[in-house]
């Protein structure tokens, strides 16, 4: 599923994916993007079952990972991306890194996220 996504910062900035926790949505990460990551292109999706994204089950980790990877492709993010997650979003971030390690990088592309 292509997730509803908010983007913050300059389009040409290095991409950073931020994932929210349970009972939240990507819009709540606006301040993080503006205050802590002002030079980055922050991609903040509403995970499945949250905000303006679709609510169809299943809501398991594998489905969330597939949604995140499809959404990154939809945003034309071909390079490895830094991923930040809060609470449940951290679980999804780790699962994305485990399933698609070539899609995730450490801070500013300096090696693996692990």
PDB file of N, CA and C in Angstrom:
ATOM      1  N   UNK A   1       0.847  -1.173   0.000  1.00  0.00           N
ATOM      2  CA  UNK A   1       0.000   0.000   0.000  1.00  0.00           C
ATOM      3  C   UNK A   1       0.894   1.238   0.000  1.00  0.00           C
ATOM      4  N   UNK A   2       0.593   2.169  -0.862  1.00  0.00           N
ATOM      5  CA  UNK A   2       1.269   3.460  -0.866  1.00  0.00           C
ATOM      6  C   UNK A   2       0.676   4.282   0.279  1.00  0.00           C
ATOM      7  N   UNK A   3       1.516   4.686   1.210  1.00  0.00           N
ATOM      8  CA  UNK A   3       1.059   5.373   2.418  1.00  0.00           C
ATOM      9  C   UNK A   3       0.913   6.872   2.195  1.00  0.00           C
ATOM     10  N   UNK A   4      -0.056   7.476   2.886  1.00  0.00           N
ATOM     11  CA  UNK A   4      -0.159   8.932   2.887  1.00  0.00           C
ATOM     12  C   UNK A   4       1.097   9.474   3.564  1.00  0.00           C
ATOM     13  N   UNK A   5       1.734  10.447   2.942  1.00  0.00           N
ATOM     14  CA  UNK A   5       3.026  10.917   3.425  1.00  0.00           C
ATOM     15  C   UNK A   5       3.086  12.430   3.438  1.00  0.00           C
ATOM     16  N   UNK A   6       3.740  12.937   4.457  1.00  0.00           N
ATOM     17  CA  UNK A   6       4.075  14.357   4.523  1.00  0.00           C
ATOM     18  C   UNK A   6       5.578  14.457   4.323  1.00  0.00           C
ATOM     19  N   UNK A   7       6.014  15.494   3.629  1.00  0.00           N
ATOM     20  CA  UNK A   7       7.445  15.725   3.468  1.00  0.00           C
ATOM     21  C   UNK A   7       7.767  17.118   3.998  1.00  0.00           C
ATOM     22  N   UNK A   8       8.950  17.227   4.564  1.00  0.00           N
ATOM     23  CA  UNK A   8       9.411  18.488   5.141  1.00  0.00           C
ATOM     24  C   UNK A   8      10.826  18.740   4.668  1.00  0.00           C
ATOM     25  N   UNK A   9      11.201  19.996   4.629  1.00  0.00           N
ATOM     26  CA  UNK A   9      12.564  20.353   4.258  1.00  0.00           C
ATOM     27  C   UNK A   9      12.750  20.443   2.757  1.00  0.00           C
ATOM     28  N   UNK A  10      13.980  20.737   2.350  1.00  0.00           N
ATOM     29  CA  UNK A  10      14.259  20.933   0.926  1.00  0.00           C
ATOM     30  C   UNK A  10      14.196  19.622   0.147  1.00  0.00           C
ATOM     31  N   UNK A  11      13.589  19.664  -1.008  1.00  0.00           N
ATOM     32  CA  UNK A  11      13.461  18.492  -1.877  1.00  0.00           C
ATOM     33  C   UNK A  11      14.833  17.916  -2.241  1.00  0.00           C
ATOM     34  N   UNK A  12      15.825  18.774  -2.359  1.00  0.00           N
ATOM     35  CA  UNK A  12      17.165  18.328  -2.743  1.00  0.00           C
ATOM     36  C   UNK A  12      17.996  17.850  -1.555  1.00  0.00           C
ATOM     37  N   UNK A  13      17.470  17.960  -0.337  1.00  0.00           N
ATOM     38  CA  UNK A  13      18.212  17.537   0.848  1.00  0.00           C
ATOM     39  C   UNK A  13      18.344  16.030   0.921  1.00  0.00           C
ATOM     40  N   UNK A  14      19.285  15.552   1.739  1.00  0.00           N
ATOM     41  CA  UNK A  14      19.414  14.101   1.904  1.00  0.00           C
ATOM     42  C   UNK A  14      18.142  13.526   2.523  1.00  0.00           C
ATOM     43  N   UNK A  15      17.632  12.420   1.981  1.00  0.00           N
ATOM     44  CA  UNK A  15      16.368  11.876   2.491  1.00  0.00           C
ATOM     45  C   UNK A  15      16.524  11.192   3.846  1.00  0.00           C
ATOM     46  N   UNK A  16      15.538  11.420   4.701  1.00  0.00           N
ATOM     47  CA  UNK A  16      15.452  10.778   6.009  1.00  0.00           C
ATOM     48  C   UNK A  16      14.008  10.318   6.177  1.00  0.00           C
ATOM     49  N   UNK A  17      13.831   9.059   6.507  1.00  0.00           N
ATOM     50  CA  UNK A  17      12.504   8.507   6.763  1.00  0.00           C
ATOM     51  C   UNK A  17      12.259   8.521   8.260  1.00  0.00           C
ATOM     52  N   UNK A  18      11.148   9.103   8.700  1.00  0.00           N
ATOM     53  CA  UNK A  18      10.795   9.091  10.117  1.00  0.00           C
ATOM     54  C   UNK A  18       9.458   8.354  10.276  1.00  0.00           C
ATOM     55  N   UNK A  19       9.437   7.423  11.230  1.00  0.00           N
ATOM     56  CA  UNK A  19       8.264   6.577  11.441  1.00  0.00           C
ATOM     57  C   UNK A  19       7.710   6.791  12.844  1.00  0.00           C
ATOM     58  N   UNK A  20       6.427   7.058  12.911  1.00  0.00           N
ATOM     59  CA  UNK A  20       5.745   7.364  14.173  1.00  0.00           C
ATOM     60  C   UNK A  20       5.394   6.101  14.949  1.00  0.00           C
ATOM     61  N   UNK A  21       4.941   6.295  16.176  1.00  0.00           N
ATOM     62  CA  UNK A  21       4.505   5.193  17.027  1.00  0.00           C
ATOM     63  C   UNK A  21       3.025   4.887  16.856  1.00  0.00           C
ATOM     64  N   UNK A  22       2.552   3.935  17.639  1.00  0.00           N
ATOM     65  CA  UNK A  22       1.149   3.516  17.613  1.00  0.00           C
ATOM     66  C   UNK A  22       0.264   4.686  18.017  1.00  0.00           C
ATOM     67  N   UNK A  23      -0.903   4.757  17.391  1.00  0.00           N
ATOM     68  CA  UNK A  23      -1.905   5.794  17.660  1.00  0.00           C
ATOM     69  C   UNK A  23      -1.397   7.194  17.345  1.00  0.00           C
ATOM     70  N   UNK A  24      -0.527   7.302  16.357  1.00  0.00           N
ATOM     71  CA  UNK A  24       0.026   8.592  15.959  1.00  0.00           C
ATOM     72  C   UNK A  24      -0.049   8.700  14.441  1.00  0.00           C
ATOM     73  N   UNK A  25       0.589   9.683  13.869  1.00  0.00           N
ATOM     74  CA  UNK A  25       0.628   9.864  12.413  1.00  0.00           C
ATOM     75  C   UNK A  25       1.854  10.697  12.069  1.00  0.00           C
ATOM     76  N   UNK A  26       2.206  10.708  10.801  1.00  0.00           N
ATOM     77  CA  UNK A  26       3.410  11.401  10.347  1.00  0.00           C
ATOM     78  C   UNK A  26       3.412  12.897  10.589  1.00  0.00           C
ATOM     79  N   UNK A  27       2.245  13.504  10.673  1.00  0.00           N
ATOM     80  CA  UNK A  27       2.171  14.945  10.904  1.00  0.00           C
ATOM     81  C   UNK A  27       2.723  15.359  12.262  1.00  0.00           C
ATOM     82  N   UNK A  28       2.725  14.427  13.209  1.00  0.00           N
ATOM     83  CA  UNK A  28       3.236  14.750  14.544  1.00  0.00           C
ATOM     84  C   UNK A  28       4.757  14.864  14.573  1.00  0.00           C
ATOM     85  N   UNK A  29       5.401  14.539  13.462  1.00  0.00           N
ATOM     86  CA  UNK A  29       6.862  14.591  13.397  1.00  0.00           C
ATOM     87  C   UNK A  29       7.360  15.871  12.732  1.00  0.00           C
ATOM     88  N   UNK A  30       6.441  16.788  12.469  1.00  0.00           N
ATOM     89  CA  UNK A  30       6.792  18.049  11.816  1.00  0.00           C
ATOM     90  C   UNK A  30       7.848  18.826  12.603  1.00  0.00           C
ATOM     91  N   UNK A  31       7.662  18.960  13.891  1.00  0.00           N
ATOM     92  CA  UNK A  31       8.631  19.723  14.701  1.00  0.00           C
ATOM     93  C   UNK A  31      10.005  19.095  14.697  1.00  0.00           C
ATOM     94  N   UNK A  32      10.050  17.780  14.766  1.00  0.00           N
ATOM     95  CA  UNK A  32      11.336  17.093  14.669  1.00  0.00           C
ATOM     96  C   UNK A  32      12.018  17.456  13.356  1.00  0.00           C
ATOM     97  N   UNK A  33      11.259  17.390  12.284  1.00  0.00           N
ATOM     98  CA  UNK A  33      11.810  17.708  10.964  1.00  0.00           C
ATOM     99  C   UNK A  33      12.297  19.152  10.894  1.00  0.00           C
ATOM    100  N   UNK A  34      11.473  20.075  11.347  1.00  0.00           N
ATOM    101  CA  UNK A  34      11.813  21.493  11.229  1.00  0.00           C
ATOM    102  C   UNK A  34      12.916  21.918  12.192  1.00  0.00           C
ATOM    103  N   UNK A  35      12.902  21.390  13.411  1.00  0.00           N
ATOM    104  CA  UNK A  35      13.873  21.824  14.419  1.00  0.00           C
ATOM    105  C   UNK A  35      15.192  21.053  14.369  1.00  0.00           C
ATOM    106  N   UNK A  36      15.120  19.742  14.157  1.00  0.00           N
ATOM    107  CA  UNK A  36      16.331  18.921  14.246  1.00  0.00           C
ATOM    108  C   UNK A  36      16.914  18.532  12.894  1.00  0.00           C
ATOM    109  N   UNK A  37      16.099  18.576  11.840  1.00  0.00           N
ATOM    110  CA  UNK A  37      16.547  18.117  10.527  1.00  0.00           C
ATOM    111  C   UNK A  37      16.213  19.131   9.433  1.00  0.00           C
ATOM    112  N   UNK A  38      16.508  20.411   9.640  1.00  0.00           N
ATOM    113  CA  UNK A  38      16.040  21.438   8.697  1.00  0.00           C
ATOM    114  C   UNK A  38      16.647  21.349   7.301  1.00  0.00           C
ATOM    115  N   UNK A  39      17.801  20.714   7.159  1.00  0.00           N
ATOM    116  CA  UNK A  39      18.453  20.624   5.855  1.00  0.00           C
ATOM    117  C   UNK A  39      18.141  19.323   5.126  1.00  0.00           C
ATOM    118  N   UNK A  40      17.373  18.448   5.761  1.00  0.00           N
ATOM    119  CA  UNK A  40      17.064  17.143   5.191  1.00  0.00           C
ATOM    120  C   UNK A  40      15.696  17.130   4.532  1.00  0.00           C
ATOM    121  N   UNK A  41      15.530  16.209   3.607  1.00  0.00           N
ATOM    122  CA  UNK A  41      14.226  15.926   3.007  1.00  0.00           C
ATOM    123  C   UNK A  41      13.584  14.838   3.864  1.00  0.00           C
ATOM    124  N   UNK A  42      12.746  15.236   4.791  1.00  0.00           N
ATOM    125  CA  UNK A  42      12.141  14.311   5.740  1.00  0.00           C
ATOM    126  C   UNK A  42      10.850  13.749   5.155  1.00  0.00           C
ATOM    127  N   UNK A  43      10.776  12.434   5.129  1.00  0.00           N
ATOM    128  CA  UNK A  43       9.601  11.724   4.626  1.00  0.00           C
ATOM    129  C   UNK A  43       8.927  11.095   5.838  1.00  0.00           C
ATOM    130  N   UNK A  44       7.688  11.524   6.111  1.00  0.00           N
ATOM    131  CA  UNK A  44       6.975  11.089   7.318  1.00  0.00           C
ATOM    132  C   UNK A  44       5.624  10.482   6.932  1.00  0.00           C
ATOM    133  N   UNK A  45       5.591   9.171   6.679  1.00  0.00           N
ATOM    134  CA  UNK A  45       4.321   8.539   6.302  1.00  0.00           C
ATOM    135  C   UNK A  45       3.420   8.279   7.500  1.00  0.00           C
ATOM    136  N   UNK A  46       2.138   8.177   7.213  1.00  0.00           N
ATOM    137  CA  UNK A  46       1.170   7.644   8.174  1.00  0.00           C
ATOM    138  C   UNK A  46       1.177   6.138   7.949  1.00  0.00           C
ATOM    139  N   UNK A  47       1.592   5.357   8.932  1.00  0.00           N
ATOM    140  CA  UNK A  47       1.607   3.910   8.775  1.00  0.00           C
ATOM    141  C   UNK A  47       0.191   3.381   8.559  1.00  0.00           C
ATOM    142  N   UNK A  48       0.087   2.204   7.987  1.00  0.00           N
ATOM    143  CA  UNK A  48      -1.210   1.556   7.744  1.00  0.00           C
ATOM    144  C   UNK A  48      -2.012   1.532   9.053  1.00  0.00           C
ATOM    145  N   UNK A  49      -3.279   1.914   8.953  1.00  0.00           N
ATOM    146  CA  UNK A  49      -4.134   1.948  10.139  1.00  0.00           C
ATOM    147  C   UNK A  49      -3.986   3.208  10.967  1.00  0.00           C
ATOM    148  N   UNK A  50      -3.309   4.217  10.413  1.00  0.00           N
ATOM    149  CA  UNK A  50      -3.070   5.469  11.126  1.00  0.00           C
ATOM    150  C   UNK A  50      -3.296   6.639  10.178  1.00  0.00           C
ATOM    151  N   UNK A  51      -3.715   7.752  10.745  1.00  0.00           N
ATOM    152  CA  UNK A  51      -3.845   8.987   9.983  1.00  0.00           C
ATOM    153  C   UNK A  51      -4.662   8.827   8.717  1.00  0.00           C
ATOM    154  N   UNK A  52      -4.115   9.308   7.604  1.00  0.00           N
ATOM    155  CA  UNK A  52      -4.829   9.311   6.328  1.00  0.00           C
ATOM    156  C   UNK A  52      -4.478   8.148   5.407  1.00  0.00           C
ATOM    157  N   UNK A  53      -3.670   7.207   5.908  1.00  0.00           N
ATOM    158  CA  UNK A  53      -3.361   6.009   5.115  1.00  0.00           C
ATOM    159  C   UNK A  53      -4.520   5.023   5.224  1.00  0.00           C
ATOM    160  N   UNK A  54      -4.494   4.004   4.365  1.00  0.00           N
ATOM    161  CA  UNK A  54      -5.531   2.984   4.394  1.00  0.00           C
ATOM    162  C   UNK A  54      -5.542   2.224   5.713  1.00  0.00           C
ATOM    163  N   UNK A  55      -6.689   1.680   6.021  1.00  0.00           N
ATOM    164  CA  UNK A  55      -6.878   0.995   7.306  1.00  0.00           C
ATOM    165  C   UNK A  55      -7.119  -0.498   7.142  1.00  0.00           C
ATOM    166  N   UNK A  56      -6.870  -1.048   5.948  1.00  0.00           N
ATOM    167  CA  UNK A  56      -7.134  -2.456   5.703  1.00  0.00           C
ATOM    168  C   UNK A  56      -6.121  -3.335   6.449  1.00  0.00           C
ATOM    169  N   UNK A  57      -6.582  -4.388   7.138  1.00  0.00           N
ATOM    170  CA  UNK A  57      -5.649  -5.320   7.755  1.00  0.00           C
ATOM    171  C   UNK A  57      -4.975  -6.178   6.676  1.00  0.00           C
ATOM    172  N   UNK A  58      -3.911  -6.865   6.980  1.00  0.00           N
ATOM    173  CA  UNK A  58      -3.329  -7.054   8.301  1.00  0.00           C
ATOM    174  C   UNK A  58      -2.416  -5.892   8.682  1.00  0.00           C
ATOM    175  N   UNK A  59      -2.187  -5.750   9.976  1.00  0.00           N
ATOM    176  CA  UNK A  59      -1.323  -4.692  10.502  1.00  0.00           C
ATOM    177  C   UNK A  59      -0.069  -5.281  11.134  1.00  0.00           C
ATOM    178  N   UNK A  60       0.395  -6.389  10.588  1.00  0.00           N
ATOM    179  CA  UNK A  60       1.589  -7.031  11.139  1.00  0.00           C
ATOM    180  C   UNK A  60       2.855  -6.324  10.634  1.00  0.00           C
ATOM    181  N   UNK A  61       3.983  -6.671  11.242  1.00  0.00           N
ATOM    182  CA  UNK A  61       5.254  -6.014  10.919  1.00  0.00           C
ATOM    183  C   UNK A  61       5.604  -6.198   9.450  1.00  0.00           C
ATOM    184  N   UNK A  62       5.438  -7.404   8.924  1.00  0.00           N
ATOM    185  CA  UNK A  62       5.783  -7.656   7.517  1.00  0.00           C
ATOM    186  C   UNK A  62       4.989  -6.758   6.569  1.00  0.00           C
ATOM    187  N   UNK A  63       3.721  -6.550   6.870  1.00  0.00           N
ATOM    188  CA  UNK A  63       2.887  -5.685   6.028  1.00  0.00           C
ATOM    189  C   UNK A  63       3.342  -4.238   6.127  1.00  0.00           C
ATOM    190  N   UNK A  64       3.665  -3.775   7.324  1.00  0.00           N
ATOM    191  CA  UNK A  64       4.162  -2.403   7.488  1.00  0.00           C
ATOM    192  C   UNK A  64       5.479  -2.211   6.728  1.00  0.00           C
ATOM    193  N   UNK A  65       6.354  -3.186   6.791  1.00  0.00           N
ATOM    194  CA  UNK A  65       7.634  -3.091   6.076  1.00  0.00           C
ATOM    195  C   UNK A  65       7.389  -2.994   4.572  1.00  0.00           C
ATOM    196  N   UNK A  66       6.522  -3.842   4.051  1.00  0.00           N
ATOM    197  CA  UNK A  66       6.201  -3.794   2.625  1.00  0.00           C
ATOM    198  C   UNK A  66       5.622  -2.431   2.246  1.00  0.00           C
ATOM    199  N   UNK A  67       4.750  -1.892   3.094  1.00  0.00           N
ATOM    200  CA  UNK A  67       4.169  -0.564   2.836  1.00  0.00           C
ATOM    201  C   UNK A  67       5.247   0.514   2.793  1.00  0.00           C
ATOM    202  N   UNK A  68       6.165   0.478   3.754  1.00  0.00           N
ATOM    203  CA  UNK A  68       7.228   1.494   3.820  1.00  0.00           C
ATOM    204  C   UNK A  68       8.109   1.407   2.577  1.00  0.00           C
ATOM    205  N   UNK A  69       8.492   0.201   2.176  1.00  0.00           N
ATOM    206  CA  UNK A  69       9.353   0.059   0.992  1.00  0.00           C
ATOM    207  C   UNK A  69       8.636   0.521  -0.277  1.00  0.00           C
ATOM    208  N   UNK A  70       7.352   0.214  -0.395  1.00  0.00           N
ATOM    209  CA  UNK A  70       6.577   0.677  -1.554  1.00  0.00           C
ATOM    210  C   UNK A  70       6.464   2.202  -1.559  1.00  0.00           C
ATOM    211  N   UNK A  71       6.282   2.782  -0.394  1.00  0.00           N
ATOM    212  CA  UNK A  71       6.159   4.232  -0.283  1.00  0.00           C
ATOM    213  C   UNK A  71       7.473   4.921  -0.644  1.00  0.00           C
ATOM    214  N   UNK A  72       8.598   4.367  -0.197  1.00  0.00           N
ATOM    215  CA  UNK A  72       9.898   4.938  -0.579  1.00  0.00           C
ATOM    216  C   UNK A  72      10.080   4.895  -2.089  1.00  0.00           C
ATOM    217  N   UNK A  73       9.704   3.793  -2.711  1.00  0.00           N
ATOM    218  CA  UNK A  73       9.794   3.699  -4.175  1.00  0.00           C
ATOM    219  C   UNK A  73       8.894   4.746  -4.828  1.00  0.00           C
ATOM    220  N   UNK A  74       7.716   4.968  -4.248  1.00  0.00           N
ATOM    221  CA  UNK A  74       6.797   5.974  -4.779  1.00  0.00           C
ATOM    222  C   UNK A  74       7.315   7.396  -4.649  1.00  0.00           C
ATOM    223  N   UNK A  75       8.218   7.616  -3.707  1.00  0.00           N
ATOM    224  CA  UNK A  75       8.838   8.930  -3.528  1.00  0.00           C
ATOM    225  C   UNK A  75      10.165   9.024  -4.264  1.00  0.00           C
ATOM    226  N   UNK A  76      10.440   8.036  -5.105  1.00  0.00           N
ATOM    227  CA  UNK A  76      11.639   8.018  -5.935  1.00  0.00           C
ATOM    228  C   UNK A  76      12.917   8.110  -5.097  1.00  0.00           C
ATOM    229  N   UNK A  77      12.922   7.408  -3.970  1.00  0.00           N
ATOM    230  CA  UNK A  77      14.115   7.343  -3.137  1.00  0.00           C
ATOM    231  C   UNK A  77      14.843   6.062  -3.518  1.00  0.00           C
ATOM    232  N   UNK A  78      15.841   6.197  -4.373  1.00  0.00           N
ATOM    233  CA  UNK A  78      16.587   5.044  -4.838  1.00  0.00           C
ATOM    234  C   UNK A  78      17.842   4.782  -4.034  1.00  0.00           C
ATOM    235  N   UNK A  79      18.308   5.805  -3.363  1.00  0.00           N
ATOM    236  CA  UNK A  79      19.534   5.676  -2.577  1.00  0.00           C
ATOM    237  C   UNK A  79      19.224   5.136  -1.189  1.00  0.00           C
ATOM    238  N   UNK A  80      20.235   4.596  -0.505  1.00  0.00           N
ATOM    239  CA  UNK A  80      20.011   4.196   0.887  1.00  0.00           C
ATOM    240  C   UNK A  80      19.583   5.407   1.716  1.00  0.00           C
ATOM    241  N   UNK A  81      18.696   5.176   2.657  1.00  0.00           N
ATOM    242  CA  UNK A  81      18.093   6.264   3.413  1.00  0.00           C
ATOM    243  C   UNK A  81      18.280   6.048   4.911  1.00  0.00           C
ATOM    244  N   UNK A  82      18.503   7.123   5.614  1.00  0.00           N
ATOM    245  CA  UNK A  82      18.546   7.079   7.070  1.00  0.00           C
ATOM    246  C   UNK A  82      17.115   6.908   7.572  1.00  0.00           C
ATOM    247  N   UNK A  83      16.920   6.071   8.588  1.00  0.00           N
ATOM    248  CA  UNK A  83      15.582   5.811   9.127  1.00  0.00           C
ATOM    249  C   UNK A  83      15.585   6.085  10.625  1.00  0.00           C
ATOM    250  N   UNK A  84      14.600   6.861  11.064  1.00  0.00           N
ATOM    251  CA  UNK A  84      14.416   7.181  12.477  1.00  0.00           C
ATOM    252  C   UNK A  84      13.019   6.713  12.855  1.00  0.00           C
ATOM    253  N   UNK A  85      12.902   6.004  13.963  1.00  0.00           N
ATOM    254  CA  UNK A  85      11.597   5.528  14.392  1.00  0.00           C
ATOM    255  C   UNK A  85      11.357   5.808  15.860  1.00  0.00           C
ATOM    256  N   UNK A  86      10.112   6.129  16.180  1.00  0.00           N
ATOM    257  CA  UNK A  86       9.703   6.332  17.572  1.00  0.00           C
ATOM    258  C   UNK A  86       8.777   5.193  17.969  1.00  0.00           C
ATOM    259  N   UNK A  87       9.086   4.528  19.072  1.00  0.00           N
ATOM    260  CA  UNK A  87       8.233   3.488  19.636  1.00  0.00           C
ATOM    261  C   UNK A  87       7.989   2.387  18.593  1.00  0.00           C
ATOM    262  N   UNK A  88       6.740   2.165  18.211  1.00  0.00           N
ATOM    263  CA  UNK A  88       6.423   1.149  17.208  1.00  0.00           C
ATOM    264  C   UNK A  88       7.145   1.443  15.898  1.00  0.00           C
ATOM    265  N   UNK A  89       7.331   2.720  15.581  1.00  0.00           N
ATOM    266  CA  UNK A  89       8.070   3.093  14.374  1.00  0.00           C
ATOM    267  C   UNK A  89       9.501   2.592  14.400  1.00  0.00           C
ATOM    268  N   UNK A  90      10.085   2.495  15.596  1.00  0.00           N
ATOM    269  CA  UNK A  90      11.442   1.953  15.736  1.00  0.00           C
ATOM    270  C   UNK A  90      11.464   0.474  15.375  1.00  0.00           C
ATOM    271  N   UNK A  91      10.435  -0.258  15.805  1.00  0.00           N
ATOM    272  CA  UNK A  91      10.329  -1.671  15.438  1.00  0.00           C
ATOM    273  C   UNK A  91      10.268  -1.818  13.918  1.00  0.00           C
ATOM    274  N   UNK A  92       9.446  -1.000  13.287  1.00  0.00           N
ATOM    275  CA  UNK A  92       9.315  -1.064  11.828  1.00  0.00           C
ATOM    276  C   UNK A  92      10.634  -0.654  11.165  1.00  0.00           C
ATOM    277  N   UNK A  93      11.299   0.370  11.688  1.00  0.00           N
ATOM    278  CA  UNK A  93      12.588   0.803  11.134  1.00  0.00           C
ATOM    279  C   UNK A  93      13.609  -0.331  11.183  1.00  0.00           C
ATOM    280  N   UNK A  94      13.683  -1.024  12.309  1.00  0.00           N
ATOM    281  CA  UNK A  94      14.620  -2.148  12.443  1.00  0.00           C
ATOM    282  C   UNK A  94      14.257  -3.281  11.489  1.00  0.00           C
ATOM    283  N   UNK A  95      12.969  -3.536  11.323  1.00  0.00           N
ATOM    284  CA  UNK A  95      12.527  -4.598  10.415  1.00  0.00           C
ATOM    285  C   UNK A  95      12.827  -4.234   8.957  1.00  0.00           C
ATOM    286  N   UNK A  96      12.686  -2.960   8.602  1.00  0.00           N
ATOM    287  CA  UNK A  96      13.043  -2.513   7.248  1.00  0.00           C
ATOM    288  C   UNK A  96      14.538  -2.746   7.019  1.00  0.00           C
ATOM    289  N   UNK A  97      15.358  -2.368   8.004  1.00  0.00           N
ATOM    290  CA  UNK A  97      16.808  -2.545   7.882  1.00  0.00           C
ATOM    291  C   UNK A  97      17.180  -4.021   7.779  1.00  0.00           C
ATOM    292  N   UNK A  98      16.474  -4.884   8.504  1.00  0.00           N
ATOM    293  CA  UNK A  98      16.768  -6.316   8.461  1.00  0.00           C
ATOM    294  C   UNK A  98      16.342  -6.945   7.136  1.00  0.00           C
ATOM    295  N   UNK A  99      15.204  -6.506   6.616  1.00  0.00           N
ATOM    296  CA  UNK A  99      14.681  -7.095   5.375  1.00  0.00           C
ATOM    297  C   UNK A  99      15.343  -6.516   4.138  1.00  0.00           C
ATOM    298  N   UNK A 100      15.670  -5.246   4.170  1.00  0.00           N
ATOM    299  CA  UNK A 100      16.234  -4.576   2.988  1.00  0.00           C
ATOM    300  C   UNK A 100      17.437  -3.727   3.396  1.00  0.00           C
ATOM    301  N   UNK A 101      18.505  -4.363   3.864  1.00  0.00           N
ATOM    302  CA  UNK A 101      19.658  -3.595   4.369  1.00  0.00           C
ATOM    303  C   UNK A 101      20.274  -2.668   3.332  1.00  0.00           C
ATOM    304  N   UNK A 102      20.106  -2.996   2.078  1.00  0.00           N
ATOM    305  CA  UNK A 102      20.645  -2.129   1.014  1.00  0.00           C
ATOM    306  C   UNK A 102      19.879  -0.818   0.888  1.00  0.00           C
ATOM    307  N   UNK A 103      18.709  -0.721   1.506  1.00  0.00           N
ATOM    308  CA  UNK A 103      17.871   0.478   1.427  1.00  0.00           C
ATOM    309  C   UNK A 103      18.116   1.441   2.581  1.00  0.00           C
ATOM    310  N   UNK A 104      18.894   1.004   3.605  1.00  0.00           N
ATOM    311  CA  UNK A 104      19.074   1.778   4.834  1.00  0.00           C
ATOM    312  C   UNK A 104      20.556   2.073   5.033  1.00  0.00           C
ATOM    313  N   UNK A 105      20.850   3.291   5.500  1.00  0.00           N
ATOM    314  CA  UNK A 105      22.232   3.647   5.780  1.00  0.00           C
ATOM    315  C   UNK A 105      22.328   4.297   7.155  1.00  0.00           C
ATOM    316  N   UNK A 106      23.561   4.433   7.627  1.00  0.00           N
ATOM    317  CA  UNK A 106      23.811   5.144   8.873  1.00  0.00           C
ATOM    318  C   UNK A 106      23.728   6.640   8.641  1.00  0.00           C
ATOM    319  N   UNK A 107      23.934   7.392   9.672  1.00  0.00           N
ATOM    320  CA  UNK A 107      23.855   8.853   9.604  1.00  0.00           C
ATOM    321  C   UNK A 107      24.709   9.394   8.475  1.00  0.00           C
ATOM    322  N   UNK A 108      24.095  10.101   7.593  1.00  0.00           N
ATOM    323  CA  UNK A 108      24.728  10.744   6.435  1.00  0.00           C
ATOM    324  C   UNK A 108      25.464   9.757   5.538  1.00  0.00           C
ATOM    325  N   UNK A 109      24.895   8.547   5.444  1.00  0.00           N
ATOM    326  CA  UNK A 109      25.422   7.580   4.515  1.00  0.00           C
ATOM    327  C   UNK A 109      26.731   6.947   4.904  1.00  0.00           C
ATOM    328  N   UNK A 110      27.157   7.140   6.143  1.00  0.00           N
ATOM    329  CA  UNK A 110      28.455   6.608   6.577  1.00  0.00           C
ATOM    330  C   UNK A 110      28.301   5.181   7.072  1.00  0.00           C
ATOM    331  N   UNK A 111      28.118   4.273   6.159  1.00  0.00           N
ATOM    332  CA  UNK A 111      28.077   2.864   6.522  1.00  0.00           C
ATOM    333  C   UNK A 111      26.715   2.374   6.939  1.00  0.00           C
ATOM    334  N   UNK A 112      26.675   1.135   7.400  1.00  0.00           N
ATOM    335  CA  UNK A 112      25.383   0.508   7.739  1.00  0.00           C
ATOM    336  C   UNK A 112      24.742   1.136   8.976  1.00  0.00           C
ATOM    337  N   UNK A 113      23.434   0.979   9.065  1.00  0.00           N
ATOM    338  CA  UNK A 113      22.677   1.546  10.179  1.00  0.00           C
ATOM    339  C   UNK A 113      22.924   0.808  11.483  1.00  0.00           C
ATOM    340  N   UNK A 114      23.477  -0.378  11.421  1.00  0.00           N
ATOM    341  CA  UNK A 114      23.678  -1.168  12.624  1.00  0.00           C
ATOM    342  C   UNK A 114      24.940  -0.723  13.258  1.00  0.00           C
TER     343      UNK A 114
END
